Amino acid sequence: MYNVDGEEISSVQPSTNFRIWWDGDVLGELLDKDFVEKWDWEQNTTTRLFTADDVRINSRNAPVLYGDLLGDWREEILYETSDFKELRLYTTTIPSDVRIYTLPHNPAYRNGLAVKG
């Protein structure tokens, strides 16, 4: 990973598929395949926050849908099981003292939900 001047700032490559608001702070987390990670730029590491079990990943290495579906500004993840028999909605269990409007209050975000899945 390099900065805008071309200098290497990390030899560790974090997940770069999607950004998700997951753990309750105002920094985004990393969503890829069936897991959510938090990048720690000071320690040059990632920490796994969540892994879904027995779920199907599509060709974009993405869930069926993710977004602020329950309305607390953090985003949830919708997966289908690998046997195609269930839809599972995952949400964070990490408490947050951040109180802001739900993300779908923003018209651009709301429209974007329609194309994420």
N, C-alpha and C. Protein backbone atom coordinates (compact mmCIF):
# COMPACT_ATOMS: atom_id res chain seq x y z
N MET A 1 0.85 -1.15 0.00
CA MET A 1 0.00 0.00 0.00
C MET A 1 0.91 1.23 0.00
N TYR A 2 0.55 2.22 -0.82
CA TYR A 2 1.40 3.40 -1.00
C TYR A 2 0.59 4.68 -0.77
N ASN A 3 1.29 5.74 -0.39
CA ASN A 3 0.63 7.03 -0.27
C ASN A 3 0.64 7.74 -1.63
N VAL A 4 0.13 8.96 -1.70
CA VAL A 4 0.03 9.66 -2.98
C VAL A 4 1.38 10.01 -3.57
N ASP A 5 2.44 10.00 -2.77
CA ASP A 5 3.79 10.28 -3.26
C ASP A 5 4.52 9.03 -3.72
N GLY A 6 3.85 7.87 -3.65
CA GLY A 6 4.46 6.62 -4.09
C GLY A 6 5.32 5.96 -3.03
N GLU A 7 5.28 6.45 -1.79
CA GLU A 7 6.06 5.84 -0.71
C GLU A 7 5.25 4.72 -0.07
N GLU A 8 5.91 3.60 0.17
CA GLU A 8 5.22 2.49 0.80
C GLU A 8 4.86 2.85 2.24
N ILE A 9 3.60 2.69 2.58
CA ILE A 9 3.16 2.98 3.95
C ILE A 9 2.74 1.71 4.68
N SER A 10 2.59 0.61 3.96
CA SER A 10 2.24 -0.66 4.60
C SER A 10 2.60 -1.81 3.68
N SER A 11 3.18 -2.84 4.26
CA SER A 11 3.46 -4.05 3.48
C SER A 11 2.30 -5.04 3.59
N VAL A 12 1.36 -4.75 4.48
CA VAL A 12 0.18 -5.58 4.66
C VAL A 12 -0.93 -5.02 3.79
N GLN A 13 -1.59 -5.88 3.04
CA GLN A 13 -2.70 -5.45 2.19
C GLN A 13 -4.02 -5.78 2.88
N PRO A 14 -4.74 -4.78 3.40
CA PRO A 14 -6.04 -5.08 4.00
C PRO A 14 -7.08 -5.38 2.92
N SER A 15 -8.18 -5.92 3.33
CA SER A 15 -9.29 -6.15 2.41
C SER A 15 -9.71 -4.84 1.78
N THR A 16 -10.00 -4.86 0.49
CA THR A 16 -10.36 -3.61 -0.18
C THR A 16 -11.65 -3.74 -0.98
N ASN A 17 -12.50 -4.69 -0.65
CA ASN A 17 -13.71 -4.91 -1.43
C ASN A 17 -14.78 -3.86 -1.15
N PHE A 18 -15.28 -3.77 0.08
CA PHE A 18 -16.33 -2.82 0.42
C PHE A 18 -16.05 -2.16 1.76
N ARG A 19 -16.60 -0.97 1.94
CA ARG A 19 -16.57 -0.28 3.22
C ARG A 19 -17.94 -0.46 3.87
N ILE A 20 -17.97 -0.71 5.20
CA ILE A 20 -19.23 -0.89 5.92
C ILE A 20 -19.13 -0.18 7.26
N TRP A 21 -20.24 0.42 7.69
CA TRP A 21 -20.31 1.02 9.03
C TRP A 21 -20.80 -0.10 9.95
N TRP A 22 -19.91 -0.65 10.79
CA TRP A 22 -20.25 -1.86 11.53
C TRP A 22 -20.14 -1.72 13.04
N ASP A 23 -19.01 -1.21 13.54
CA ASP A 23 -18.74 -1.37 14.97
C ASP A 23 -19.15 -0.22 15.87
N GLY A 24 -19.76 0.82 15.36
CA GLY A 24 -20.29 1.86 16.23
C GLY A 24 -19.42 3.09 16.40
N ASP A 25 -18.21 3.08 15.85
CA ASP A 25 -17.44 4.32 15.84
C ASP A 25 -17.65 4.98 14.47
N VAL A 26 -17.05 6.12 14.26
CA VAL A 26 -17.29 6.84 13.01
C VAL A 26 -16.26 6.52 11.92
N LEU A 27 -15.50 5.45 12.11
CA LEU A 27 -14.57 4.96 11.09
C LEU A 27 -15.19 3.75 10.41
N GLY A 28 -15.10 3.66 9.11
CA GLY A 28 -15.65 2.52 8.38
C GLY A 28 -14.79 1.28 8.57
N GLU A 29 -15.43 0.13 8.43
CA GLU A 29 -14.75 -1.15 8.49
C GLU A 29 -14.69 -1.75 7.08
N LEU A 30 -14.06 -2.91 6.95
CA LEU A 30 -13.83 -3.55 5.66
C LEU A 30 -14.69 -4.80 5.54
N LEU A 31 -15.52 -4.87 4.51
CA LEU A 31 -16.37 -6.03 4.24
C LEU A 31 -15.86 -6.74 3.01
N ASP A 32 -15.59 -8.02 3.14
CA ASP A 32 -15.13 -8.83 2.01
C ASP A 32 -15.59 -10.26 2.23
N LYS A 33 -16.14 -10.86 1.19
CA LYS A 33 -16.60 -12.25 1.25
C LYS A 33 -17.58 -12.44 2.40
N ASP A 34 -17.17 -13.18 3.43
CA ASP A 34 -18.06 -13.46 4.56
C ASP A 34 -17.54 -12.88 5.87
N PHE A 35 -16.73 -11.83 5.80
CA PHE A 35 -16.17 -11.28 7.03
C PHE A 35 -16.10 -9.75 7.02
N VAL A 36 -16.01 -9.21 8.25
CA VAL A 36 -15.82 -7.77 8.46
C VAL A 36 -14.54 -7.61 9.27
N GLU A 37 -13.66 -6.72 8.81
CA GLU A 37 -12.40 -6.46 9.51
C GLU A 37 -12.24 -4.97 9.77
N LYS A 38 -11.45 -4.67 10.79
CA LYS A 38 -11.10 -3.29 11.10
C LYS A 38 -9.61 -3.11 10.83
N TRP A 39 -9.29 -2.10 10.03
CA TRP A 39 -7.90 -1.80 9.71
C TRP A 39 -7.32 -0.92 10.80
N ASP A 40 -6.17 -1.30 11.34
CA ASP A 40 -5.44 -0.50 12.33
C ASP A 40 -4.19 0.04 11.65
N TRP A 41 -4.27 1.30 11.22
CA TRP A 41 -3.16 1.90 10.48
C TRP A 41 -1.94 2.13 11.35
N GLU A 42 -2.13 2.22 12.67
CA GLU A 42 -0.98 2.43 13.56
C GLU A 42 -0.18 1.14 13.76
N GLN A 43 -0.86 0.01 13.84
CA GLN A 43 -0.19 -1.27 14.04
C GLN A 43 0.04 -2.04 12.73
N ASN A 44 -0.52 -1.51 11.61
CA ASN A 44 -0.36 -2.14 10.31
C ASN A 44 -0.96 -3.55 10.28
N THR A 45 -2.14 -3.70 10.91
CA THR A 45 -2.81 -4.99 10.99
C THR A 45 -4.32 -4.83 10.81
N THR A 46 -4.98 -5.93 10.61
CA THR A 46 -6.43 -5.94 10.63
C THR A 46 -6.90 -6.83 11.78
N THR A 47 -8.08 -6.53 12.29
CA THR A 47 -8.71 -7.33 13.33
C THR A 47 -10.04 -7.82 12.81
N ARG A 48 -10.27 -9.11 12.86
CA ARG A 48 -11.53 -9.67 12.40
C ARG A 48 -12.60 -9.37 13.45
N LEU A 49 -13.69 -8.72 13.02
CA LEU A 49 -14.78 -8.38 13.92
C LEU A 49 -15.94 -9.36 13.79
N PHE A 50 -16.10 -9.96 12.62
CA PHE A 50 -17.25 -10.83 12.37
C PHE A 50 -16.95 -11.76 11.21
N THR A 51 -17.41 -13.01 11.31
CA THR A 51 -17.36 -13.96 10.21
C THR A 51 -18.69 -14.71 10.16
N ALA A 52 -19.31 -14.74 9.00
CA ALA A 52 -20.56 -15.48 8.81
C ALA A 52 -20.22 -16.93 8.44
N ASP A 53 -20.97 -17.87 8.98
CA ASP A 53 -20.74 -19.29 8.72
C ASP A 53 -21.74 -19.82 7.70
N ASP A 54 -21.27 -20.71 6.84
CA ASP A 54 -22.11 -21.45 5.91
C ASP A 54 -22.97 -20.55 5.03
N VAL A 55 -22.35 -19.53 4.46
CA VAL A 55 -23.08 -18.62 3.58
C VAL A 55 -22.49 -18.64 2.18
N ARG A 56 -23.31 -18.25 1.22
CA ARG A 56 -22.89 -18.23 -0.18
C ARG A 56 -22.35 -16.85 -0.52
N ILE A 57 -21.24 -16.83 -1.24
CA ILE A 57 -20.62 -15.59 -1.69
C ILE A 57 -20.79 -15.51 -3.20
N ASN A 58 -21.22 -14.35 -3.71
CA ASN A 58 -21.44 -14.24 -5.15
C ASN A 58 -20.13 -13.95 -5.89
N SER A 59 -20.20 -13.73 -7.18
CA SER A 59 -19.01 -13.56 -8.00
C SER A 59 -18.24 -12.27 -7.69
N ARG A 60 -18.86 -11.33 -6.99
CA ARG A 60 -18.16 -10.09 -6.58
C ARG A 60 -17.56 -10.23 -5.19
N ASN A 61 -17.56 -11.45 -4.65
CA ASN A 61 -17.13 -11.69 -3.27
C ASN A 61 -17.93 -10.84 -2.29
N ALA A 62 -19.24 -10.78 -2.52
CA ALA A 62 -20.10 -9.90 -1.74
C ALA A 62 -21.32 -10.67 -1.23
N PRO A 63 -21.96 -10.13 -0.19
CA PRO A 63 -23.23 -10.70 0.26
C PRO A 63 -24.36 -10.34 -0.70
N VAL A 64 -25.55 -10.83 -0.42
CA VAL A 64 -26.72 -10.48 -1.22
C VAL A 64 -26.94 -8.97 -1.17
N LEU A 65 -26.86 -8.40 0.03
CA LEU A 65 -27.10 -6.97 0.24
C LEU A 65 -26.46 -6.55 1.54
N TYR A 66 -26.00 -5.33 1.63
CA TYR A 66 -25.60 -4.76 2.90
C TYR A 66 -26.01 -3.30 2.91
N GLY A 67 -26.35 -2.81 4.09
CA GLY A 67 -26.77 -1.42 4.20
C GLY A 67 -27.48 -1.19 5.52
N ASP A 68 -27.87 0.05 5.76
CA ASP A 68 -28.59 0.42 6.98
C ASP A 68 -30.05 0.01 6.81
N LEU A 69 -30.33 -1.25 7.11
CA LEU A 69 -31.66 -1.81 6.91
C LEU A 69 -32.54 -1.68 8.15
N LEU A 70 -31.95 -1.69 9.34
CA LEU A 70 -32.72 -1.62 10.57
C LEU A 70 -32.84 -0.20 11.12
N GLY A 71 -32.04 0.73 10.59
CA GLY A 71 -32.26 2.13 10.91
C GLY A 71 -31.55 2.70 12.12
N ASP A 72 -30.37 2.20 12.48
CA ASP A 72 -29.63 2.85 13.56
C ASP A 72 -28.34 3.50 13.06
N TRP A 73 -28.19 3.67 11.78
CA TRP A 73 -27.08 4.22 11.00
C TRP A 73 -25.96 3.23 10.74
N ARG A 74 -25.86 2.17 11.51
CA ARG A 74 -24.88 1.14 11.20
C ARG A 74 -25.49 0.20 10.18
N GLU A 75 -24.63 -0.53 9.48
CA GLU A 75 -25.13 -1.34 8.37
C GLU A 75 -25.20 -2.82 8.74
N GLU A 76 -26.19 -3.48 8.18
CA GLU A 76 -26.39 -4.90 8.35
C GLU A 76 -25.99 -5.62 7.06
N ILE A 77 -25.80 -6.96 7.17
CA ILE A 77 -25.39 -7.76 6.02
C ILE A 77 -26.40 -8.88 5.82
N LEU A 78 -26.87 -9.05 4.58
CA LEU A 78 -27.80 -10.10 4.24
C LEU A 78 -27.07 -11.13 3.37
N TYR A 79 -27.01 -12.37 3.86
CA TYR A 79 -26.42 -13.48 3.12
C TYR A 79 -27.47 -14.55 2.87
N GLU A 80 -27.27 -15.35 1.84
CA GLU A 80 -28.04 -16.57 1.69
C GLU A 80 -27.14 -17.73 2.09
N THR A 81 -27.75 -18.77 2.63
CA THR A 81 -26.95 -19.91 3.05
C THR A 81 -26.46 -20.68 1.83
N SER A 82 -25.42 -21.46 2.03
CA SER A 82 -24.81 -22.17 0.92
C SER A 82 -25.75 -23.19 0.28
N ASP A 83 -26.76 -23.64 1.03
CA ASP A 83 -27.73 -24.59 0.46
C ASP A 83 -28.96 -23.89 -0.14
N PHE A 84 -28.96 -22.55 -0.16
CA PHE A 84 -30.03 -21.73 -0.74
C PHE A 84 -31.37 -21.88 -0.02
N LYS A 85 -31.36 -22.31 1.23
CA LYS A 85 -32.62 -22.51 1.96
C LYS A 85 -32.97 -21.36 2.90
N GLU A 86 -32.01 -20.49 3.22
CA GLU A 86 -32.27 -19.42 4.18
C GLU A 86 -31.64 -18.12 3.73
N LEU A 87 -32.26 -17.02 4.15
CA LEU A 87 -31.64 -15.70 4.11
C LEU A 87 -31.31 -15.36 5.55
N ARG A 88 -30.11 -14.87 5.79
CA ARG A 88 -29.69 -14.51 7.15
C ARG A 88 -29.29 -13.04 7.18
N LEU A 89 -29.85 -12.30 8.12
CA LEU A 89 -29.51 -10.90 8.31
C LEU A 89 -28.63 -10.78 9.55
N TYR A 90 -27.40 -10.30 9.34
CA TYR A 90 -26.45 -10.15 10.44
C TYR A 90 -26.32 -8.68 10.80
N THR A 91 -26.26 -8.43 12.11
CA THR A 91 -26.07 -7.07 12.61
C THR A 91 -25.01 -7.09 13.70
N THR A 92 -24.43 -5.95 13.95
CA THR A 92 -23.41 -5.86 14.98
C THR A 92 -24.03 -5.99 16.37
N THR A 93 -23.25 -6.47 17.30
CA THR A 93 -23.66 -6.52 18.70
C THR A 93 -22.83 -5.54 19.53
N ILE A 94 -22.04 -4.72 18.86
CA ILE A 94 -21.17 -3.76 19.54
C ILE A 94 -21.96 -2.50 19.86
N PRO A 95 -22.06 -2.10 21.13
CA PRO A 95 -22.81 -0.90 21.48
C PRO A 95 -22.16 0.36 20.90
N SER A 96 -22.97 1.39 20.69
CA SER A 96 -22.45 2.65 20.18
C SER A 96 -23.14 3.81 20.89
N ASP A 97 -22.37 4.85 21.21
CA ASP A 97 -22.97 6.05 21.77
C ASP A 97 -23.12 7.14 20.71
N VAL A 98 -22.80 6.82 19.47
CA VAL A 98 -22.96 7.77 18.36
C VAL A 98 -24.43 7.79 17.96
N ARG A 99 -25.02 8.99 17.94
CA ARG A 99 -26.43 9.13 17.58
C ARG A 99 -26.53 10.08 16.40
N ILE A 100 -26.81 9.51 15.22
CA ILE A 100 -26.99 10.31 14.02
C ILE A 100 -28.21 9.79 13.27
N TYR A 101 -28.64 10.54 12.26
CA TYR A 101 -29.76 10.09 11.44
C TYR A 101 -29.43 8.77 10.77
N THR A 102 -30.47 8.03 10.41
CA THR A 102 -30.25 6.80 9.67
C THR A 102 -29.65 7.13 8.30
N LEU A 103 -28.88 6.23 7.76
CA LEU A 103 -28.24 6.48 6.47
C LEU A 103 -29.24 6.64 5.33
N PRO A 104 -30.39 5.92 5.33
CA PRO A 104 -31.35 6.11 4.25
C PRO A 104 -32.04 7.48 4.25
N HIS A 105 -31.81 8.31 5.28
CA HIS A 105 -32.29 9.69 5.22
C HIS A 105 -31.63 10.43 4.06
N ASN A 106 -30.44 10.01 3.68
CA ASN A 106 -29.73 10.61 2.55
C ASN A 106 -30.28 9.99 1.26
N PRO A 107 -30.86 10.80 0.37
CA PRO A 107 -31.46 10.25 -0.86
C PRO A 107 -30.47 9.47 -1.72
N ALA A 108 -29.22 9.91 -1.79
CA ALA A 108 -28.24 9.19 -2.60
C ALA A 108 -27.95 7.81 -2.00
N TYR A 109 -27.85 7.73 -0.68
CA TYR A 109 -27.64 6.44 -0.03
C TYR A 109 -28.85 5.53 -0.27
N ARG A 110 -30.04 6.07 -0.09
CA ARG A 110 -31.26 5.30 -0.28
C ARG A 110 -31.35 4.73 -1.71
N ASN A 111 -31.03 5.57 -2.69
CA ASN A 111 -31.02 5.08 -4.06
C ASN A 111 -29.94 4.04 -4.29
N GLY A 112 -28.80 4.20 -3.63
CA GLY A 112 -27.71 3.23 -3.76
C GLY A 112 -28.06 1.87 -3.22
N LEU A 113 -28.95 1.80 -2.21
CA LEU A 113 -29.37 0.51 -1.70
C LEU A 113 -30.04 -0.34 -2.77
N ALA A 114 -30.69 0.31 -3.70
CA ALA A 114 -31.39 -0.41 -4.75
C ALA A 114 -30.44 -1.13 -5.71
N VAL A 115 -29.22 -0.67 -5.82
CA VAL A 115 -28.28 -1.29 -6.75
C VAL A 115 -27.22 -2.14 -6.06
N LYS A 116 -27.15 -2.12 -4.73
CA LYS A 116 -26.14 -2.91 -4.03
C LYS A 116 -26.37 -4.40 -4.16
N GLY A 117 -27.62 -4.83 -4.23
CA GLY A 117 -27.91 -6.26 -4.29
C GLY A 117 -27.99 -6.71 -5.71
